[in-house]
Amino acid sequence: MQWHRRICLAVALGALALAGAFGSRASAQENRPIRLILPFPPGGPADAMARIVAQHIGEGGGPSVVVESHPGAATEIGTQYVAQAPPDGYTLGIISNSFVVLPNVRKLKYDPLTDFVPICELASFPPLIVVNSQSPYRTLADFITAAHTRPGALTLATIGPATSSQLAFEMLKRAAKADITFVPFPGYTPAIQALLSNTVTAALADFSTLQGQLQTGKLRALATTSPERISLLPNVPTTIESGYKDVSADFFGGVIAPVQTPKQMIDKLTGWFSAAIEDPKVKAKFKTLGFFPSGACGAAFDSVLRKDYDGYRRIITDAHLKMQ
């Protein structure tokens, strides 16, 4: 019977080894870092927002979160990368307004409303129209008057083409009946560099990107397209206050996952991200950058995206805007 005991022992050891292998594999899976795909160049507001939240999740007992930049084609490249990623919850995407603007101006290989699961809207970023401090234009009215005087001569730089930033510009251009030349850049940072070197007349970017240059006096803010004044810039009027009641635009940043990601993983992700944006330390960091924390997650965030999608489609169609 000794041989029988040896066989039983061998089978038992094999089972334990197999269980250990499966356990190690499961543990390795759970310990994988989450990749947060940023469809912009590094350095912009979405990048700063993503890194603040990623750090909080990692330090707060959640998984490590790594931010990767996959810029290009007005966010299409990075978003398509997420759409094609394995739906396991370990590759997520950062989105902005362009997520629902882009499909209204050109054909994509993904559908923003059916190919993803909205996780959370994290923050909103108030945009500003700015000029170089050496510019003769001290108000938005000055800038528009000059554009009327010299049609096509004045230029405005921002992210584009086919982005919410360009859409805000097109709304202002249409409302003011002004011929201003649009100059697209792959990110806000190079657009601001062009303004600092006087290559362009004006620029449109979010407050966090502009904050340092505004504080040092290198740039001058003419107006914000946000519906309300920015608390840190109380003397800068809104475009509505400047006489353009139909020109109002805010930028936002949120997180999505591929559509077939298991519900159990979606619930975990929603918990991690919602806890992060509710944390007082994260809110404090957001405030110093001029971000406004959001709280829309899951179905609420999905509702926001669908509403924005329909709103942008209506504006683009009614105004016959071409933003290719």
Protein backbone atom coordinates (compact mmCIF):
# COMPACT_ATOMS: atom_id res chain seq x y z
CA MET A 1 0.00 0.00 0.00
CA GLN A 2 3.03 2.26 0.20
CA TRP A 3 2.84 2.95 -3.52
CA HIS A 4 -0.82 3.94 -3.08
CA ARG A 5 0.07 6.44 -0.36
CA ARG A 6 2.80 7.88 -2.57
CA ILE A 7 0.34 8.38 -5.44
CA CYS A 8 -2.18 10.08 -3.12
CA LEU A 9 0.57 12.31 -1.74
CA ALA A 10 1.72 13.24 -5.23
CA VAL A 11 -1.85 14.08 -6.30
CA ALA A 12 -2.37 16.20 -3.18
CA LEU A 13 0.89 18.10 -3.73
CA GLY A 14 -0.01 18.66 -7.36
CA ALA A 15 -3.42 20.04 -6.39
CA LEU A 16 -1.81 22.38 -3.89
CA ALA A 17 0.70 23.58 -6.48
CA LEU A 18 -2.08 24.16 -9.02
CA ALA A 19 -4.15 26.07 -6.48
CA GLY A 20 -1.10 28.12 -5.60
CA ALA A 21 -0.48 28.90 -9.26
CA PHE A 22 -4.06 30.03 -9.74
CA GLY A 23 -3.90 32.07 -6.55
CA SER A 24 -0.66 33.73 -7.62
CA ARG A 25 -2.15 34.48 -11.02
CA ALA A 26 -5.27 36.01 -9.46
CA SER A 27 -3.15 38.02 -7.04
CA ALA A 28 -0.95 39.28 -9.88
CA GLN A 29 -4.09 40.29 -11.79
CA GLU A 30 -5.41 42.26 -8.82
CA ASN A 31 -2.04 43.96 -8.29
CA ARG A 32 -1.74 45.15 -11.88
CA PRO A 33 -1.58 48.94 -12.24
CA ILE A 34 -4.48 50.68 -13.92
CA ARG A 35 -3.46 52.54 -17.07
CA LEU A 36 -5.21 55.87 -17.45
CA ILE A 37 -4.96 56.91 -21.10
CA LEU A 38 -4.71 60.67 -21.64
CA PRO A 39 -5.65 61.70 -25.22
CA PHE A 40 -3.73 64.99 -24.89
CA PRO A 41 -0.05 65.94 -24.69
CA PRO A 42 1.29 66.03 -21.10
CA GLY A 43 1.05 69.24 -19.11
CA GLY A 44 -2.54 70.32 -19.65
CA PRO A 45 -5.44 70.48 -17.18
CA ALA A 46 -6.65 66.94 -17.84
CA ASP A 47 -3.13 65.64 -17.16
CA ALA A 48 -2.91 67.53 -13.85
CA MET A 49 -6.39 66.35 -12.85
CA ALA A 50 -5.62 62.73 -13.75
CA ARG A 51 -2.35 62.67 -11.80
CA ILE A 52 -3.90 64.18 -8.66
CA VAL A 53 -6.67 61.58 -8.66
CA ALA A 54 -4.30 58.74 -9.59
CA GLN A 55 -2.00 59.60 -6.70
CA HIS A 56 -4.90 59.70 -4.25
CA ILE A 57 -6.23 56.31 -5.34
CA GLY A 58 -2.79 54.68 -5.06
CA GLU A 59 -2.02 56.21 -1.67
CA GLY A 60 -5.52 55.55 -0.33
CA GLY A 61 -5.33 51.78 -0.49
CA GLY A 62 -6.47 51.33 -4.08
CA PRO A 63 -4.39 50.05 -7.01
CA SER A 64 -1.55 52.07 -8.49
CA VAL A 65 -2.76 54.22 -11.40
CA VAL A 66 -0.36 55.19 -14.20
CA VAL A 67 -1.18 58.09 -16.53
CA GLU A 68 -0.09 57.54 -20.16
CA SER A 69 -0.28 60.20 -22.85
CA HIS A 70 -1.61 59.07 -26.28
CA PRO A 71 -2.28 62.40 -28.02
CA GLY A 72 -3.39 63.13 -31.57
CA ALA A 73 -6.31 63.68 -33.95
CA ALA A 74 -8.22 65.89 -31.49
CA THR A 75 -8.29 63.08 -28.85
CA GLU A 76 -9.41 60.40 -31.34
CA ILE A 77 -6.18 58.36 -31.11
CA GLY A 78 -6.21 57.99 -27.33
CA THR A 79 -9.94 57.33 -27.13
CA GLN A 80 -9.80 54.70 -29.88
CA TYR A 81 -6.94 53.03 -27.99
CA VAL A 82 -9.21 52.65 -24.96
CA ALA A 83 -12.08 51.35 -27.11
CA GLN A 84 -9.83 48.57 -28.43
CA ALA A 85 -8.28 47.69 -25.05
CA PRO A 86 -9.23 44.49 -23.20
CA PRO A 87 -12.40 45.23 -21.17
CA ASP A 88 -10.91 44.17 -17.86
CA GLY A 89 -10.89 47.52 -16.06
CA TYR A 90 -7.12 47.95 -16.25
CA THR A 91 -7.13 50.34 -19.23
CA LEU A 92 -9.29 53.43 -18.78
CA GLY A 93 -9.57 56.70 -20.65
CA ILE A 94 -9.63 60.35 -19.67
CA ILE A 95 -12.20 62.27 -21.71
CA SER A 96 -13.13 65.91 -22.22
CA ASN A 97 -15.80 67.76 -24.18
CA SER A 98 -14.12 66.56 -27.39
CA PHE A 99 -15.44 63.09 -26.59
CA VAL A 100 -18.94 64.26 -27.58
CA VAL A 101 -17.94 67.03 -30.02
CA LEU A 102 -15.77 64.93 -32.34
CA PRO A 103 -18.42 62.37 -33.42
CA ASN A 104 -20.61 65.28 -34.54
CA VAL A 105 -18.04 66.53 -37.04
CA ARG A 106 -16.45 63.39 -38.47
CA LYS A 107 -16.83 59.62 -38.74
CA LEU A 108 -15.03 57.65 -36.01
CA LYS A 109 -14.19 53.99 -35.45
CA TYR A 110 -15.97 54.07 -32.10
CA ASP A 111 -19.30 55.32 -30.78
CA PRO A 112 -18.93 57.43 -27.62
CA LEU A 113 -22.41 56.54 -26.40
CA THR A 114 -22.29 52.75 -26.88
CA ASP A 115 -18.64 51.63 -26.82
CA PHE A 116 -17.78 52.86 -23.32
CA VAL A 117 -19.02 52.82 -19.73
CA PRO A 118 -18.91 56.25 -18.06
CA ILE A 119 -17.21 56.02 -14.65
CA CYS A 120 -17.09 59.54 -13.20
CA GLU A 121 -16.88 63.17 -14.21
CA LEU A 122 -13.96 64.44 -12.14
CA ALA A 123 -13.72 68.20 -12.64
CA SER A 124 -14.58 71.18 -14.81
CA PHE A 125 -12.09 73.75 -16.07
CA PRO A 126 -13.16 77.35 -16.79
CA PRO A 127 -11.77 78.60 -20.15
CA LEU A 128 -10.29 82.05 -20.73
CA ILE A 129 -9.62 84.22 -23.76
CA VAL A 130 -6.20 85.83 -23.26
CA VAL A 131 -3.71 88.06 -25.05
CA ASN A 132 -0.05 88.85 -24.57
CA SER A 133 0.48 91.56 -21.93
CA GLN A 134 2.15 93.64 -24.67
CA SER A 135 -1.08 93.55 -26.68
CA PRO A 136 -3.03 96.80 -27.12
CA TYR A 137 -6.29 94.94 -26.38
CA ARG A 138 -7.41 95.34 -22.78
CA THR A 139 -10.98 94.08 -23.11
CA LEU A 140 -12.87 91.61 -25.27
CA ALA A 141 -14.61 94.58 -26.89
CA ASP A 142 -11.20 95.98 -27.94
CA PHE A 143 -10.29 92.65 -29.53
CA ILE A 144 -13.60 92.29 -31.40
CA THR A 145 -13.48 95.92 -32.62
CA ALA A 146 -9.99 95.32 -34.03
CA ALA A 147 -11.25 92.16 -35.74
CA HIS A 148 -14.03 94.17 -37.39
CA THR A 149 -11.50 96.77 -38.51
CA ARG A 150 -9.05 94.23 -39.96
CA PRO A 151 -11.04 91.18 -41.14
CA GLY A 152 -8.98 87.97 -41.04
CA ALA A 153 -5.86 89.64 -39.65
CA LEU A 154 -6.34 88.69 -36.00
CA THR A 155 -5.66 85.11 -34.96
CA LEU A 156 -6.73 82.93 -32.04
CA ALA A 157 -4.91 79.76 -30.98
CA THR A 158 -6.31 76.80 -29.09
CA ILE A 159 -6.53 73.00 -29.22
CA GLY A 160 -7.92 71.77 -32.52
CA PRO A 161 -9.25 71.14 -34.95
CA ALA A 162 -12.69 69.69 -34.14
CA THR A 163 -12.55 70.27 -30.38
CA SER A 164 -14.77 71.95 -27.82
CA SER A 165 -12.14 74.71 -27.67
CA GLN A 166 -12.60 75.43 -31.36
CA LEU A 167 -16.36 75.22 -30.91
CA ALA A 168 -16.20 77.93 -28.20
CA PHE A 169 -14.15 80.07 -30.61
CA GLU A 170 -16.62 79.49 -33.45
CA MET A 171 -19.52 80.46 -31.18
CA LEU A 172 -17.81 83.75 -30.27
CA LYS A 173 -16.82 84.45 -33.88
CA ARG A 174 -20.40 83.88 -35.03
CA ALA A 175 -21.98 85.91 -32.20
CA ALA A 176 -19.58 88.83 -32.74
CA LYS A 177 -19.87 88.64 -36.55
CA ALA A 178 -16.07 88.91 -36.62
CA ASP A 179 -13.62 87.43 -39.11
CA ILE A 180 -10.93 85.96 -36.82
CA THR A 181 -8.50 83.30 -38.06
CA PHE A 182 -8.44 80.04 -36.10
CA VAL A 183 -4.97 78.54 -35.45
CA PRO A 184 -5.10 74.91 -34.17
CA PHE A 185 -2.49 73.34 -31.88
CA PRO A 186 -2.19 69.80 -30.46
CA GLY A 187 -2.34 71.12 -26.89
CA TYR A 188 -2.88 74.25 -24.81
CA THR A 189 0.79 74.57 -23.87
CA PRO A 190 2.10 75.03 -27.44
CA ALA A 191 -0.79 77.43 -28.13
CA ILE A 192 0.27 79.57 -25.15
CA GLN A 193 3.91 79.43 -26.23
CA ALA A 194 2.83 80.81 -29.61
CA LEU A 195 1.00 83.64 -27.86
CA LEU A 196 3.98 84.46 -25.64
CA SER A 197 6.16 84.73 -28.74
CA ASN A 198 3.55 86.96 -30.43
CA THR A 199 3.03 84.41 -33.20
CA VAL A 200 -0.74 84.65 -32.65
CA THR A 201 -2.97 87.49 -31.44
CA ALA A 202 -4.95 85.67 -28.77
CA ALA A 203 -5.52 82.24 -27.29
CA LEU A 204 -8.26 80.26 -25.59
CA ALA A 205 -7.25 77.84 -22.84
CA ASP A 206 -8.27 76.76 -19.37
CA PHE A 207 -7.42 78.74 -16.28
CA SER A 208 -5.03 76.16 -14.79
CA THR A 209 -2.83 76.22 -17.90
CA LEU A 210 -2.79 80.02 -17.90
CA GLN A 211 -2.56 80.65 -14.17
CA GLY A 212 1.23 80.99 -13.94
CA GLN A 213 1.51 83.33 -16.92
CA LEU A 214 -1.37 85.45 -15.62
CA GLN A 215 0.20 85.73 -12.17
CA THR A 216 3.55 86.86 -13.60
CA GLY A 217 1.83 89.40 -15.83
CA LYS A 218 2.94 87.85 -19.12
CA LEU A 219 -0.63 87.33 -20.25
CA ARG A 220 -3.83 89.37 -19.87
CA ALA A 221 -7.28 87.79 -19.55
CA LEU A 222 -10.05 89.43 -21.59
CA ALA A 223 -12.98 87.19 -20.64
CA THR A 224 -14.02 83.72 -19.54
CA THR A 225 -16.48 81.64 -21.56
CA SER A 226 -17.62 80.03 -18.31
CA PRO A 227 -21.19 81.02 -17.33
CA GLU A 228 -19.86 82.50 -14.07
CA ARG A 229 -16.80 84.51 -13.17
CA ILE A 230 -13.78 82.62 -11.86
CA SER A 231 -13.42 83.19 -8.11
CA LEU A 232 -9.64 83.58 -8.39
CA LEU A 233 -10.09 86.17 -11.18
CA PRO A 234 -13.05 88.24 -9.93
CA ASN A 235 -12.34 91.18 -12.25
CA VAL A 236 -12.46 89.15 -15.47
CA PRO A 237 -15.96 89.27 -17.01
CA THR A 238 -17.76 86.41 -18.70
CA THR A 239 -18.51 86.44 -22.42
CA ILE A 240 -22.20 86.72 -21.46
CA GLU A 241 -21.46 89.87 -19.42
CA SER A 242 -19.45 91.15 -22.37
CA GLY A 243 -22.57 91.14 -24.52
CA TYR A 244 -22.55 87.65 -26.06
CA LYS A 245 -25.40 85.84 -24.30
CA ASP A 246 -25.15 82.77 -26.53
CA VAL A 247 -21.43 82.24 -25.91
CA SER A 248 -21.02 80.03 -22.86
CA ALA A 249 -18.72 77.02 -22.56
CA ASP A 250 -17.04 75.07 -19.77
CA PHE A 251 -14.54 72.24 -20.20
CA PHE A 252 -14.71 69.02 -18.19
CA GLY A 253 -12.60 65.95 -17.48
CA GLY A 254 -13.90 62.45 -16.76
CA VAL A 255 -13.09 58.73 -16.84
CA ILE A 256 -14.49 55.95 -19.05
CA ALA A 257 -13.93 52.19 -19.44
CA PRO A 258 -14.44 49.85 -22.43
CA VAL A 259 -18.08 48.78 -22.70
CA GLN A 260 -17.77 45.09 -21.77
CA THR A 261 -15.86 45.71 -18.54
CA PRO A 262 -17.45 43.48 -15.83
CA LYS A 263 -19.94 45.24 -13.56
CA GLN A 264 -18.01 44.16 -10.46
CA MET A 265 -14.94 45.97 -11.76
CA ILE A 266 -16.99 49.01 -12.80
CA ASP A 267 -18.35 49.22 -9.25
CA LYS A 268 -14.81 49.11 -7.83
CA LEU A 269 -13.61 51.81 -10.24
CA THR A 270 -16.58 54.03 -9.46
CA GLY A 271 -15.88 53.66 -5.75
CA TRP A 272 -12.20 54.58 -6.11
CA PHE A 273 -12.75 57.61 -8.35
CA SER A 274 -15.81 58.96 -6.51
CA ALA A 275 -13.96 58.68 -3.18
CA ALA A 276 -11.01 60.56 -4.66
CA ILE A 277 -13.01 63.57 -5.86
CA GLU A 278 -14.84 63.77 -2.53
CA ASP A 279 -11.61 63.85 -0.52
CA PRO A 280 -10.87 67.31 1.00
CA LYS A 281 -7.18 67.08 0.02
CA VAL A 282 -8.06 66.46 -3.62
CA LYS A 283 -10.60 69.30 -3.55
CA ALA A 284 -7.95 71.62 -2.11
CA LYS A 285 -5.48 70.72 -4.86
CA PHE A 286 -8.17 71.20 -7.49
CA LYS A 287 -9.00 74.64 -6.10
CA THR A 288 -5.40 75.87 -6.35
CA LEU A 289 -5.49 74.94 -10.05
CA GLY A 290 -8.85 76.56 -10.68
CA PHE A 291 -10.65 73.24 -11.10
CA PHE A 292 -14.21 72.71 -9.89
CA PRO A 293 -14.72 69.16 -8.54
CA SER A 294 -17.65 67.24 -9.97
CA GLY A 295 -19.64 64.40 -8.48
CA ALA A 296 -21.46 62.85 -11.42
CA CYS A 297 -20.72 59.12 -11.63
CA GLY A 298 -22.29 56.14 -13.38
CA ALA A 299 -25.78 56.82 -14.77
CA ALA A 300 -25.59 60.50 -13.80
CA PHE A 301 -22.37 60.97 -15.80
CA ASP A 302 -23.87 59.02 -18.72
CA SER A 303 -26.83 61.40 -18.70
CA VAL A 304 -24.50 64.43 -18.79
CA LEU A 305 -22.58 63.02 -21.76
CA ARG A 306 -25.75 62.27 -23.73
CA LYS A 307 -27.13 65.74 -23.05
CA ASP A 308 -23.85 67.37 -24.12
CA TYR A 309 -23.71 65.19 -27.23
CA ASP A 310 -27.17 66.36 -28.32
CA GLY A 311 -26.39 69.98 -27.41
CA TYR A 312 -23.17 70.10 -29.42
CA ARG A 313 -24.85 68.41 -32.39
CA ARG A 314 -27.58 71.05 -32.36
CA ILE A 315 -25.05 73.94 -32.22
CA ILE A 316 -22.86 72.48 -34.97
CA THR A 317 -25.83 71.71 -37.23
CA ASP A 318 -27.67 74.99 -36.71
CA ALA A 319 -24.54 77.08 -37.24
CA HIS A 320 -23.33 74.96 -40.19
CA LEU A 321 -19.92 74.78 -38.56
CA LYS A 322 -17.08 73.07 -40.40
CA MET A 323 -14.39 71.96 -37.95
CA GLN A 324 -12.48 69.22 -39.79
